[in-house]
Amino acid sequence: MNLSERPAEPDPTAPAGPGPVGSATARLRAWLTGPFAERVRGTVRRAVAALPSGRTVLRILLLAVVVVVPCLGWGVATASAEASLGPHLARYEVTVDDEVTVDLGPLGTLVIDSPLPLTLGLRVVVQEIPREVTAVEEADTLAALGADLEGYVQFFNGPEVTMRGVVQALVVDAVQRGLLAAALVGLAAWGLRSALGSARRAELAALVRPYRALGVAATVVVVVVAGTVTASGPTAATTTNDQPASAVFAGTPLEGARITGRLAGVIDTYGGYVVDAYRDNERFYDTVVTGVEGAWAERAATDAEAAARHDAVQVAGPRPAAPSASPAVSATPGGPGDGDSDETDDQAETDDEAAEPVVLLVVSDLHCNVGMARVIRSVAELSGATVVLNAGDSTINGTAVESYCVRAFADAVPDGAELVVVDGNHDSEETSAEERAVGAQVLDGEVVEVSGIRILGDSDAIATRIGVGTTLVGDETITEAGERLAEVACQDEDGVDLLLIHNPRAGDATLEQGCAPAQISGHLHRRIGPVREGEGVRYVSSSTAGAVLGAVTVGPLSGTAELTVLRFDPDSRRFIDYRLVRVSPDAQVTVGFAVAWPGERVDLSDPGGPR
């Protein structure tokens, strides 16, 4: 072969040859750079062309603002909500007169300056006290009035809690009204646009184009005026601006209130009783909180001294033992007697990695004593509790007007801590709904995990109502409910650490079968335990409201109130110890030592078992 006819060297960058692989690659490359690429470019061009122009987008946004903002303003100005006011149900309506007016019908009104912005105010139409609160056969009038007084004292003690709930309800109602109005306006505009047709719309647009800005302004004015008119209902003819403020409310959250009508005489005559009760209540619980802080600091100092003495004894070591016949312990390095052995190091590392105990605070049977809310918060903060366990009976009768009690107790939980509640026989489904609304974990027969602790519980099987007595909530008795909970606990693969129930009897089956190592309850208004019961430990908390049979739970304590601080070991999944905080009716506070939680039951029948 001639040298000049020698084939050229193959180009590594050239397309693949006619082989199977090269042919497929070439076809794929041709398709990607040909029809496919043209198809993609065409799709992108059509998508870009379909997008609205910047001017169109701006027009749409402006139209949305013109519609939505006035509609939301109308929603705010016409919002209303049902809530409690002391022992009453009341209807709260937004006004634009910069005043909060409490309308008591023929008695007159109570007016205070509104704390709301933009001249917004509130009109509170007080309704009757719900029948279920006072429906006691042959009810004595003075007793009923005494119950009303308790309700007013509770309102005075925590008006911000009631107002917070009202504001939340009004905000929700305002947003719903505003969005509904915007939707209706949008539908009406769309319907009108469709009915007119494109030709007629173009003709009308040409006519109104010179007056477009004026039309927008007029629309806004009309909407605002309409909202103002609909928001401001009929008010009393009496002008309150020149009415002198009632001296009765001096030094209370209602300081500066102006009263009209016959209510003024009633307040001047009897309002002092309510205000005096409020002031007594404030002084009592301020004293208690101060006492809690002092008693806790004193106990902390005592605990520190005891720990120092314990450490000193550990450093000094035990006294030398008498000689024994046992062989001497080897002192060879690395042997059993060497303090630096691998086993000792491993144990030290294990101790260093031990999880921090979980601190829990137990309260029970609060029965709407909102004065204790600040005490609960103080103990929770001082103890470092990350979980608050409420063993039930937060309310007296489970009514709507007691929602402020639920909110007050929920507000007592420090930021970052979790509230776990099991409702009692004085609570209701309405109570449970309110508790969920404020962020509490309400137990309902399923296992929940809180801070690594697996907790099981359910609402009480019975309900106690004033004037009605005690009845079953559903078809289950307390025993049957307890058996159901035992079945859930025994079948749970991960195990249950705590059974939290209101009535102690509902835990009998679970403890007997050994399906939960600990049970915490309330209901009895007296402390029992912690004591071994079956295969577990039962603890019954006393009332945190100092509840005493036949005595009110609102105001200064009638009996001794108790709170319990627990520590839980996440590694062993067992409680470590408990500490009592007791508040007596004379506002004296004691903080107890940390007492060890009862341990596992020892089987003495096993010769090789522990002694």
Foldseek 3Di string as FASTA:
>chain_A
DDPVPDDDDDDPPDQDDPDPVSVVVVVVVCCVVPPVVVVVVVVVVVVVVPDDDPVVVVVVVVVLCLLLVLLLVLLLLFFKDWAAAQQWIKIKFKAQQQWEWEDADQQFIKIDGAPDPNSIYIYIDTDDRDCLVQVAPPDDPVVVVVSSLLSNLLCQQCVVLRVVVRVVRRSVRSVVRSVVSSVVVVVVVVVVDVVCDDVSVVVVCVVCVVVVVVVSVVSSVVSNVVSNVNSDDDDDPDDFPPAFWDPLQPPTPSGRMGTDHNNNVVCVVPVNVSVVLNVQQVVLLVLLLVQVVVQLVVVVVVVVVVVVVVVVDVVVDDDDDDDDPDDDADPPVQGPVHCPHPVNVVVVVVVVPFDFWAKEKEAEQLALQLSCLQVLLSVCVSVVHQEYEYLENQHQAQDRNSLSSLSSNLVSHDPNHAYEYAYEQRHDVSSVVSNVVSPHHYACQAWDADPLATEHEHHAQWHQTHNPGIDGPDDDDLCRLLVSSLVNLQPDPVAHAEYRHADPNSPQNNQQVVSYAEYEYEPPQDWDDQDRHHFHGYTYAHHQQLDDPPDDSYGQHPAKHKMKMWIARSVVSHTFWIWIWIAGSVSNIHTGDTGGHDDGDWDPVDPPTDD
